[in-house]
Amino acid sequence: MTQTGASSGEPNGKTAYRAQLLYFTAAPGPETDDGSTVYCSDGMLLVEGGCVVQLGDYQLLRETLEADITVVDWRRKLIVPGFIDTHIHYPQTDIIASPAPGLLPWLETYTFPAESHFKDPAHAGQVARFFLDELLRCGTTTALVYCTVHPESTEAFFTESHDRQLRMVAGKVLMDRNCPDSLRDTAESGARDSEALIRRWHGKGRQMYALTPRFAPTSTPQQLALCGELAQRYGDVFIQSHLAENTQELEWVKQLFPGHRSYLDIYDHFGLLRRRAAYGHCIWLDDTDRRRMAETGTLAVHCPTSNLFLGSGLFDFAAAGVNKMPIALGTDVGGGTSFSMLQTMAAAHNVARMSGHHLSAHSLFYLATEGAAQGLDLGGRIGTLAPGAEADFIVLDPQATPLLARRTARAETLEELLFALLMLGDDRAVAATYAAGLLQHERSPSV
């Protein structure tokens, strides 16, 4: 058995990782010892062929290892499942932190001009590479990604992700009205391009496809109807869009789609609510909407940094909980202001506090891992360290910065440790990121 501080991974052979280990089996309740959390203070994670094969207490498992197995020593650090970002736009990477008075002016001034360049495969590929580097640097191993209306943008993204063996979900944006001509498809061409991309990429390696109408105002009823037909034809693909983000948006939707009970009802009418459907924001909903999302297994994605940046509103955690609406977290870059799911968790905590709701660190880490996986119908595959899962995991460093080291040294409980990591951490707290058992990112000690 070889002990090493190097963080190499073996794609097919066995590798063991020694560290603190943490994952969740269910949503944590008010009491952190309710059995929903699996934690080993000195654990071993055994990976083979890109999957987790065993984990447990290091002292108990070490004697069962073959003599030639490499043990990567991450003691004093915490291994958790890779983060899952359920709402992000890769073509908006270059316009993050762009000033605007609200959502609709921001789209017109920054988003649409930036996205017009993604017909160029070279440009799309260069941005995709930087985008994926940034995700991995922040510990995100799976994301639901919006491309642009151009099929070339989706091809470029999947090509780069496939080469890295990442578990990603992405799709070509559908947009046949209320947008610049350079970003407009038609109902028929959008459906045709989407189906071709599904056949080419959905299930190829670790890639998965998402039907992606941008939001109801930029799709005609004909386009949404064809999207619904594709959703019925390909029952295991994902659906992603935006919902009830902004009050101006709501008024616009009422004008464009008269006769519907609510914004959500439009998507429901066209057969776009189901398991594997994820809608960003979901701020301005009523309880009937929330119950309908729960009934259909449709995921609501809370994007706190984006909502604060654009002044869209505060997500209602209490109402979501009462109505059992599935929830996950998204960065929503570039409206969101950080690729870091740690910073996104911190913002979610603060948004919840503004409405008198408390989210524990256990709950926030759950939402970014196992909770997201369950909401996406990918439970058991990602978001967990349980045996049989894909070996997507990250190494968090409680000593990454002087302030973080000082605070975590005084942590008396796991909750305090996790809370310090999410409130004070960022990409610097991610010592290493693994996907399919392969090292994808390692932080330089000098950073």
Protein backbone atom coordinates (compact mmCIF):
# COMPACT_ATOMS: atom_id res chain seq x y z
CA MET A 1 0.00 0.00 0.00
CA THR A 2 1.54 3.29 -1.12
CA GLN A 3 0.95 6.48 0.85
CA THR A 4 1.22 9.66 -1.19
CA GLY A 5 0.32 13.31 -1.02
CA ALA A 6 -0.05 13.47 -4.79
CA SER A 7 -3.61 13.74 -6.04
CA SER A 8 -3.44 11.48 -9.03
CA GLY A 9 -6.41 9.37 -10.02
CA GLU A 10 -6.45 6.05 -11.82
CA PRO A 11 -9.18 5.89 -14.49
CA ASN A 12 -9.52 2.09 -14.41
CA GLY A 13 -7.42 0.82 -11.50
CA LYS A 14 -8.16 1.26 -7.82
CA THR A 15 -7.25 4.38 -5.88
CA ALA A 16 -7.98 5.08 -2.21
CA TYR A 17 -8.44 8.55 -0.74
CA ARG A 18 -7.97 9.24 2.96
CA ALA A 19 -9.82 12.26 4.36
CA GLN A 20 -12.87 13.32 6.27
CA LEU A 21 -15.86 12.06 4.25
CA LEU A 22 -19.33 13.59 4.06
CA TYR A 23 -22.48 12.89 2.07
CA PHE A 24 -26.24 12.79 2.59
CA THR A 25 -28.87 10.09 2.25
CA ALA A 26 -31.93 12.34 2.74
CA ALA A 27 -32.85 15.94 3.40
CA PRO A 28 -31.48 16.91 6.83
CA GLY A 29 -34.05 17.80 9.44
CA PRO A 30 -33.76 20.30 12.31
CA GLU A 31 -31.66 17.80 14.27
CA THR A 32 -28.36 17.14 12.51
CA ASP A 33 -28.10 13.65 14.03
CA ASP A 34 -31.31 12.44 12.33
CA GLY A 35 -29.50 9.82 10.22
CA SER A 36 -29.53 11.81 6.99
CA THR A 37 -25.81 12.60 7.18
CA VAL A 38 -22.96 10.14 6.64
CA TYR A 39 -19.73 11.48 8.12
CA CYS A 40 -16.36 9.84 8.79
CA SER A 41 -13.79 11.93 10.65
CA ASP A 42 -10.98 9.71 9.30
CA GLY A 43 -12.38 7.92 6.30
CA MET A 44 -11.31 6.08 3.20
CA LEU A 45 -12.95 6.38 -0.21
CA LEU A 46 -12.11 3.59 -2.67
CA VAL A 47 -12.56 4.35 -6.37
CA GLU A 48 -12.29 1.98 -9.33
CA GLY A 49 -13.29 2.36 -12.96
CA GLY A 50 -14.65 5.85 -12.40
CA CYS A 51 -17.05 4.77 -9.63
CA VAL A 52 -17.09 4.58 -5.86
CA VAL A 53 -16.72 0.97 -4.75
CA GLN A 54 -16.35 1.31 -0.98
CA LEU A 55 -16.02 3.82 1.82
CA GLY A 56 -15.79 3.79 5.57
CA ASP A 57 -13.49 4.26 8.52
CA TYR A 58 -9.84 4.31 7.45
CA GLN A 59 -8.58 2.19 10.32
CA LEU A 60 -11.13 -0.52 9.58
CA LEU A 61 -10.59 -0.58 5.81
CA ARG A 62 -6.83 -0.18 5.54
CA GLU A 63 -6.13 -3.84 6.31
CA THR A 64 -8.42 -4.96 3.48
CA LEU A 65 -6.49 -3.07 0.78
CA GLU A 66 -4.14 -4.76 -1.62
CA ALA A 67 -0.50 -3.88 -1.06
CA ASP A 68 -0.09 -2.06 -4.38
CA ILE A 69 -3.07 0.32 -4.04
CA THR A 70 -2.17 4.00 -4.05
CA VAL A 71 -3.57 5.94 -1.09
CA VAL A 72 -3.96 9.66 -1.75
CA ASP A 73 -3.60 11.39 1.59
CA TRP A 74 -6.02 14.31 2.07
CA ARG A 75 -6.04 14.24 5.86
CA ARG A 76 -7.20 17.51 7.53
CA LYS A 77 -9.41 18.03 4.46
CA LEU A 78 -13.01 17.11 3.69
CA ILE A 79 -14.18 15.06 0.71
CA VAL A 80 -17.77 15.73 -0.37
CA PRO A 81 -19.67 14.91 -3.58
CA GLY A 82 -19.06 17.30 -6.46
CA PHE A 83 -21.42 20.26 -6.48
CA ILE A 84 -24.37 20.31 -8.90
CA ASP A 85 -25.29 23.68 -10.42
CA THR A 86 -28.82 23.35 -11.81
CA HIS A 87 -29.01 26.64 -13.73
CA ILE A 88 -26.15 28.37 -15.59
CA HIS A 89 -25.46 29.99 -18.99
CA TYR A 90 -22.05 29.26 -20.48
CA PRO A 91 -22.36 31.94 -23.24
CA GLN A 92 -22.74 34.59 -20.51
CA THR A 93 -19.32 33.89 -19.01
CA ASP A 94 -17.85 37.08 -20.48
CA ILE A 95 -20.67 39.37 -19.32
CA ILE A 96 -20.72 38.39 -15.66
CA ALA A 97 -20.80 41.53 -13.47
CA SER A 98 -22.34 43.75 -16.16
CA PRO A 99 -24.40 46.65 -14.74
CA ALA A 100 -28.09 47.02 -15.61
CA PRO A 101 -31.26 48.30 -13.90
CA GLY A 102 -33.09 44.99 -14.24
CA LEU A 103 -33.58 41.70 -16.06
CA LEU A 104 -35.03 42.84 -19.38
CA PRO A 105 -32.56 45.73 -19.97
CA TRP A 106 -29.72 43.40 -18.98
CA LEU A 107 -30.81 40.87 -21.61
CA GLU A 108 -30.99 43.51 -24.34
CA THR A 109 -27.79 45.36 -23.45
CA TYR A 110 -25.42 42.50 -22.64
CA THR A 111 -26.84 39.01 -23.06
CA PHE A 112 -28.16 39.06 -26.59
CA PRO A 113 -25.10 40.82 -28.09
CA ALA A 114 -22.74 38.36 -26.35
CA GLU A 115 -24.71 35.31 -27.49
CA SER A 116 -24.72 36.43 -31.12
CA HIS A 117 -21.04 35.41 -31.41
CA PHE A 118 -21.66 31.74 -30.65
CA LYS A 119 -22.41 30.74 -34.20
CA ASP A 120 -18.61 30.69 -34.55
CA PRO A 121 -17.46 27.23 -33.36
CA ALA A 122 -13.99 28.51 -32.51
CA HIS A 123 -15.36 31.21 -30.24
CA ALA A 124 -17.86 28.82 -28.66
CA GLY A 125 -15.15 26.25 -28.02
CA GLN A 126 -12.79 28.77 -26.41
CA VAL A 127 -15.51 30.01 -24.05
CA ALA A 128 -16.61 26.43 -23.25
CA ARG A 129 -13.06 25.53 -22.22
CA PHE A 130 -12.75 28.52 -19.91
CA PHE A 131 -16.26 27.94 -18.52
CA LEU A 132 -15.58 24.31 -17.65
CA ASP A 133 -12.21 25.21 -16.13
CA GLU A 134 -14.00 27.71 -13.91
CA LEU A 135 -16.70 25.25 -12.86
CA LEU A 136 -14.09 22.66 -11.90
CA ARG A 137 -12.01 25.23 -10.05
CA CYS A 138 -15.10 25.95 -7.95
CA GLY A 139 -15.89 22.28 -7.34
CA THR A 140 -18.86 21.93 -9.70
CA THR A 141 -18.84 18.58 -11.47
CA THR A 142 -22.34 18.64 -13.00
CA ALA A 143 -24.36 21.58 -14.34
CA LEU A 144 -27.54 22.25 -16.30
CA VAL A 145 -26.16 24.50 -19.00
CA TYR A 146 -27.85 26.87 -21.44
CA CYS A 147 -26.08 27.22 -24.76
CA THR A 148 -27.31 29.67 -27.43
CA VAL A 149 -29.78 29.34 -30.28
CA HIS A 150 -26.91 28.21 -32.53
CA PRO A 151 -26.43 24.42 -32.76
CA GLU A 152 -22.71 25.14 -33.07
CA SER A 153 -22.66 26.42 -29.48
CA THR A 154 -24.10 23.17 -28.18
CA GLU A 155 -21.75 21.05 -30.27
CA ALA A 156 -18.78 23.00 -28.92
CA PHE A 157 -19.90 22.61 -25.33
CA PHE A 158 -20.59 18.88 -25.50
CA THR A 159 -17.36 18.23 -27.37
CA GLU A 160 -15.32 19.86 -24.62
CA SER A 161 -17.29 18.24 -21.81
CA HIS A 162 -17.13 14.79 -23.42
CA ASP A 163 -13.36 15.05 -23.83
CA ARG A 164 -13.09 15.64 -20.06
CA GLN A 165 -15.52 12.82 -19.18
CA LEU A 166 -17.79 15.20 -17.25
CA ARG A 167 -21.44 14.53 -16.39
CA MET A 168 -23.09 17.57 -17.98
CA VAL A 169 -26.61 18.44 -19.12
CA ALA A 170 -26.97 21.09 -21.82
CA GLY A 171 -29.16 22.22 -24.67
CA LYS A 172 -29.60 24.60 -27.58
CA VAL A 173 -31.79 27.57 -26.68
CA LEU A 174 -35.15 27.80 -28.47
CA MET A 175 -36.16 31.36 -29.31
CA ASP A 176 -38.40 32.28 -32.24
CA ARG A 177 -39.70 35.74 -31.26
CA ASN A 178 -38.93 38.85 -29.20
CA CYS A 179 -35.20 38.62 -29.80
CA PRO A 180 -32.63 39.88 -32.34
CA ASP A 181 -32.72 38.27 -35.79
CA SER A 182 -29.23 36.87 -35.20
CA LEU A 183 -30.59 34.81 -32.28
CA ARG A 184 -33.89 33.71 -33.77
CA ASP A 185 -34.80 30.25 -34.97
CA THR A 186 -38.25 29.06 -36.04
CA ALA A 187 -40.55 26.61 -34.34
CA GLU A 188 -39.70 24.01 -36.96
CA SER A 189 -35.94 24.63 -37.20
CA GLY A 190 -35.59 24.74 -33.42
CA ALA A 191 -37.33 21.39 -33.04
CA ARG A 192 -35.34 19.87 -35.90
CA ASP A 193 -32.00 21.07 -34.51
CA SER A 194 -32.90 19.94 -30.99
CA GLU A 195 -33.83 16.45 -32.15
CA ALA A 196 -30.58 16.12 -34.08
CA LEU A 197 -28.61 17.17 -31.02
CA ILE A 198 -30.52 14.72 -28.82
CA ARG A 199 -29.68 11.87 -31.16
CA ARG A 200 -26.05 12.90 -31.35
CA TRP A 201 -25.31 13.73 -27.71
CA HIS A 202 -27.91 12.44 -25.24
CA GLY A 203 -26.33 9.42 -23.55
CA LYS A 204 -23.03 9.76 -25.39
CA GLY A 205 -20.49 9.08 -22.66
CA ARG A 206 -21.64 11.18 -19.72
CA GLN A 207 -23.46 13.85 -21.76
CA MET A 208 -27.21 14.45 -21.39
CA TYR A 209 -29.52 16.73 -23.35
CA ALA A 210 -31.96 19.37 -22.13
CA LEU A 211 -34.76 20.86 -24.24
CA THR A 212 -34.22 24.57 -23.64
CA PRO A 213 -36.86 27.17 -24.46
CA ARG A 214 -35.26 30.32 -23.07
CA PHE A 215 -38.49 31.49 -21.44
CA ALA A 216 -42.08 31.75 -22.52
CA PRO A 217 -41.87 35.34 -23.91
CA THR A 218 -39.27 34.37 -26.52
CA SER A 219 -41.13 31.30 -27.80
CA THR A 220 -44.37 31.22 -29.77
CA PRO A 221 -47.09 28.77 -28.77
CA GLN A 222 -46.09 26.76 -31.84
CA GLN A 223 -42.51 26.44 -30.62
CA LEU A 224 -43.58 25.41 -27.12
CA ALA A 225 -45.98 22.87 -28.60
CA LEU A 226 -43.22 21.27 -30.69
CA CYS A 227 -40.95 21.30 -27.66
CA GLY A 228 -43.64 19.45 -25.74
CA GLU A 229 -43.88 16.87 -28.51
CA LEU A 230 -40.13 16.28 -28.32
CA ALA A 231 -40.38 15.95 -24.54
CA GLN A 232 -43.00 13.25 -24.98
CA ARG A 233 -41.02 11.47 -27.67
CA TYR A 234 -37.78 11.51 -25.66
CA GLY A 235 -38.95 10.84 -22.14
CA ASP A 236 -35.50 10.68 -20.55
CA VAL A 237 -34.17 14.04 -21.77
CA PHE A 238 -34.24 17.08 -19.51
CA ILE A 239 -36.24 20.29 -19.85
CA GLN A 240 -34.98 23.65 -18.62
CA SER A 241 -36.30 27.18 -18.78
CA HIS A 242 -36.99 30.29 -16.70
CA LEU A 243 -40.10 30.93 -14.64
CA ALA A 244 -41.52 33.87 -12.66
CA GLU A 245 -38.22 35.66 -12.16
CA ASN A 246 -39.30 39.28 -12.42
CA THR A 247 -42.58 41.21 -12.01
CA GLN A 248 -42.15 43.02 -15.36
CA GLU A 249 -41.64 39.63 -16.98
CA LEU A 250 -44.90 38.39 -15.44
CA GLU A 251 -46.87 41.27 -16.94
CA TRP A 252 -45.30 40.63 -20.34
CA VAL A 253 -46.20 36.94 -20.15
CA LYS A 254 -49.85 37.79 -19.36
CA GLN A 255 -50.03 39.89 -22.52
CA LEU A 256 -48.40 37.24 -24.71
CA PHE A 257 -50.33 34.24 -23.35
CA PRO A 258 -53.85 35.35 -22.42
CA GLY A 259 -56.20 32.78 -20.96
CA HIS A 260 -53.71 30.94 -18.76
CA ARG A 261 -54.13 30.80 -15.00
CA SER A 262 -50.46 31.53 -14.36
CA TYR A 263 -47.01 31.65 -15.92
CA LEU A 264 -46.45 28.05 -14.82
CA ASP A 265 -49.72 27.01 -16.44
CA ILE A 266 -48.27 27.89 -19.86
CA TYR A 267 -45.50 25.33 -19.50
CA ASP A 268 -47.97 22.84 -18.04
CA HIS A 269 -50.33 23.33 -21.00
CA PHE A 270 -47.56 22.35 -23.42
CA GLY A 271 -46.49 19.25 -21.47
CA LEU A 272 -43.29 20.71 -20.08
CA LEU A 273 -43.70 19.86 -16.40
CA ARG A 274 -42.33 16.48 -15.26
CA ARG A 275 -39.42 14.75 -13.62
CA ARG A 276 -36.18 15.99 -15.19
CA ALA A 277 -37.68 19.45 -15.79
CA ALA A 278 -35.93 22.34 -14.00
CA TYR A 279 -37.11 25.94 -13.94
CA GLY A 280 -34.88 28.78 -12.83
CA HIS A 281 -35.99 31.33 -10.21
CA CYS A 282 -39.64 30.51 -9.37
CA ILE A 283 -39.98 33.62 -7.21
CA TRP A 284 -43.42 34.96 -8.12
CA LEU A 285 -45.49 31.80 -7.74
CA ASP A 286 -48.59 31.08 -5.69
CA ASP A 287 -49.30 27.94 -3.70
CA THR A 288 -51.30 26.39 -6.55
CA ASP A 289 -48.20 26.67 -8.73
CA ARG A 290 -45.98 25.25 -6.03
CA ARG A 291 -48.28 22.27 -5.47
CA ARG A 292 -48.38 21.62 -9.21
CA MET A 293 -44.58 21.55 -9.37
CA ALA A 294 -44.57 19.09 -6.49
CA GLU A 295 -47.22 16.89 -8.14
CA THR A 296 -45.27 16.69 -11.39
CA GLY A 297 -41.80 16.37 -9.81
CA THR A 298 -40.69 19.59 -11.52
CA LEU A 299 -37.61 21.17 -9.95
CA ALA A 300 -37.52 24.80 -8.81
CA VAL A 301 -34.01 26.26 -9.02
CA HIS A 302 -33.20 29.03 -6.58
CA CYS A 303 -30.59 31.45 -7.97
CA PRO A 304 -29.86 33.80 -5.07
CA THR A 305 -26.89 35.82 -6.35
CA SER A 306 -28.70 36.52 -9.62
CA ASN A 307 -31.95 37.47 -7.87
CA LEU A 308 -30.10 39.91 -5.63
CA PHE A 309 -27.98 41.33 -8.44
CA LEU A 310 -30.94 41.98 -10.76
CA GLY A 311 -33.35 42.92 -7.94
CA SER A 312 -35.77 40.23 -9.01
CA GLY A 313 -37.12 39.29 -5.57
CA LEU A 314 -36.66 36.86 -2.69
CA PHE A 315 -37.34 33.15 -3.06
CA ASP A 316 -39.91 31.90 -0.52
CA PHE A 317 -38.37 28.86 1.18
CA ALA A 318 -41.15 28.54 3.72
CA ALA A 319 -43.88 28.32 1.06
CA ALA A 320 -41.79 25.91 -1.00
CA GLY A 321 -41.41 23.65 2.01
CA VAL A 322 -45.07 23.70 2.97
CA ASN A 323 -46.05 22.73 -0.57
CA LYS A 324 -43.24 20.15 -0.88
CA MET A 325 -41.89 21.81 -4.04
CA PRO A 326 -38.54 20.25 -5.06
CA ILE A 327 -35.69 22.76 -4.76
CA ALA A 328 -32.07 22.96 -5.87
CA LEU A 329 -29.55 25.78 -6.28
CA GLY A 330 -28.12 27.49 -9.35
CA THR A 331 -25.49 30.16 -9.89
CA ASP A 332 -27.24 31.59 -12.98
CA VAL A 333 -23.98 33.00 -14.32
CA GLY A 334 -23.88 35.59 -15.91
CA GLY A 335 -26.83 37.16 -14.07
CA GLY A 336 -25.40 35.41 -11.04
CA THR A 337 -22.22 36.93 -9.70
CA SER A 338 -20.14 33.85 -8.88
CA PHE A 339 -19.38 30.40 -10.27
CA SER A 340 -18.88 29.19 -6.70
CA MET A 341 -21.60 27.02 -5.21
CA LEU A 342 -20.15 27.82 -1.78
CA GLN A 343 -20.89 31.51 -2.35
CA THR A 344 -24.28 30.57 -3.81
CA MET A 345 -25.09 28.60 -0.65
CA ALA A 346 -24.09 31.61 1.46
CA ALA A 347 -26.38 33.86 -0.57
CA ALA A 348 -29.23 31.35 -0.27
CA HIS A 349 -28.80 31.39 3.50
CA ASN A 350 -28.97 35.18 3.57
CA VAL A 351 -32.02 35.35 1.28
CA ALA A 352 -33.84 32.87 3.50
CA ARG A 353 -32.99 34.89 6.60
CA MET A 354 -34.56 37.97 4.99
CA SER A 355 -37.92 36.18 5.13
CA GLY A 356 -37.39 34.76 8.60
CA HIS A 357 -36.39 31.29 7.41
CA HIS A 358 -33.25 29.50 8.60
CA LEU A 359 -31.26 27.12 6.40
CA SER A 360 -28.65 25.02 8.15
CA ALA A 361 -25.29 24.32 6.56
CA HIS A 362 -26.29 20.66 6.40
CA SER A 363 -29.39 21.61 4.38
CA LEU A 364 -27.45 23.85 2.01
CA PHE A 365 -24.78 21.23 1.29
CA TYR A 366 -27.60 18.73 0.72
CA LEU A 367 -29.28 21.06 -1.81
CA ALA A 368 -26.00 21.41 -3.72
CA THR A 369 -25.35 17.64 -3.84
CA GLU A 370 -27.82 14.84 -3.07
CA GLY A 371 -30.86 17.14 -3.14
CA ALA A 372 -30.01 18.36 -6.63
CA ALA A 373 -29.33 14.82 -7.83
CA GLN A 374 -32.70 13.63 -6.53
CA GLY A 375 -34.45 16.64 -8.05
CA LEU A 376 -32.88 15.85 -11.42
CA ASP A 377 -33.79 12.15 -11.26
CA LEU A 378 -30.09 11.28 -11.03
CA GLY A 379 -30.06 9.99 -7.48
CA GLY A 380 -27.50 7.26 -6.86
CA ARG A 381 -25.41 8.38 -9.84
CA ILE A 382 -24.13 11.79 -8.76
CA GLY A 383 -24.35 13.96 -5.66
CA THR A 384 -23.30 11.14 -3.33
CA LEU A 385 -20.30 9.12 -2.20
CA ALA A 386 -22.35 5.95 -1.78
CA PRO A 387 -20.95 2.77 -3.38
CA GLY A 388 -22.00 2.48 -7.03
CA ALA A 389 -22.08 6.23 -7.60
CA GLU A 390 -19.98 7.92 -10.25
CA ALA A 391 -16.76 9.14 -8.63
CA ASP A 392 -17.40 12.88 -8.87
CA PHE A 393 -16.08 14.42 -5.67
CA ILE A 394 -14.20 17.41 -4.36
CA VAL A 395 -11.68 18.04 -1.62
CA LEU A 396 -12.48 21.04 0.58
CA ASP A 397 -9.71 22.70 2.57
CA PRO A 398 -10.79 24.26 5.88
CA GLN A 399 -7.37 25.98 6.05
CA ALA A 400 -7.55 27.51 2.57
CA THR A 401 -7.32 31.12 3.78
CA PRO A 402 -6.03 32.59 7.05
CA LEU A 403 -9.52 33.64 8.15
CA LEU A 404 -11.09 30.30 7.23
CA ALA A 405 -8.32 28.44 9.07
CA ARG A 406 -8.76 30.60 12.15
CA ARG A 407 -12.53 30.09 12.24
CA THR A 408 -12.59 26.37 11.47
CA ALA A 409 -9.94 25.70 14.12
CA ARG A 410 -12.60 26.79 16.62
CA ALA A 411 -15.43 24.73 15.10
CA GLU A 412 -16.86 22.39 17.72
CA THR A 413 -19.44 20.66 15.50
CA LEU A 414 -19.74 19.52 11.90
CA GLU A 415 -22.45 22.15 11.40
CA GLU A 416 -20.04 24.90 12.47
CA LEU A 417 -17.35 23.57 10.12
CA LEU A 418 -19.70 23.42 7.14
CA PHE A 419 -21.20 26.80 7.92
CA ALA A 420 -17.76 28.42 8.02
CA LEU A 421 -16.82 26.78 4.71
CA LEU A 422 -19.88 28.09 2.90
CA MET A 423 -19.91 31.56 4.46
CA LEU A 424 -16.16 32.21 4.19
CA GLY A 425 -15.20 29.88 1.34
CA ASP A 426 -14.92 30.32 -2.41
CA ASP A 427 -12.86 28.67 -5.15
CA ARG A 428 -9.79 28.85 -2.87
CA ALA A 429 -11.43 26.35 -0.53
CA VAL A 430 -11.53 23.71 -3.29
CA ALA A 431 -8.22 21.88 -3.05
CA ALA A 432 -9.06 19.37 -5.80
CA THR A 433 -11.89 18.31 -8.06
CA TYR A 434 -12.35 14.77 -9.43
CA ALA A 435 -14.82 13.63 -12.08
CA ALA A 436 -15.25 9.98 -13.08
CA GLY A 437 -12.34 9.29 -10.74
CA LEU A 438 -9.99 11.56 -12.70
CA LEU A 439 -8.27 14.60 -11.26
CA GLN A 440 -9.76 17.56 -13.12
CA HIS A 441 -8.42 20.43 -11.00
CA GLU A 442 -5.87 20.86 -8.22
CA ARG A 443 -5.34 24.17 -6.51
CA SER A 444 -1.82 25.50 -6.60
CA PRO A 445 -0.39 25.77 -3.07
CA SER A 446 0.70 29.33 -3.85
CA VAL A 447 -2.83 30.52 -4.71
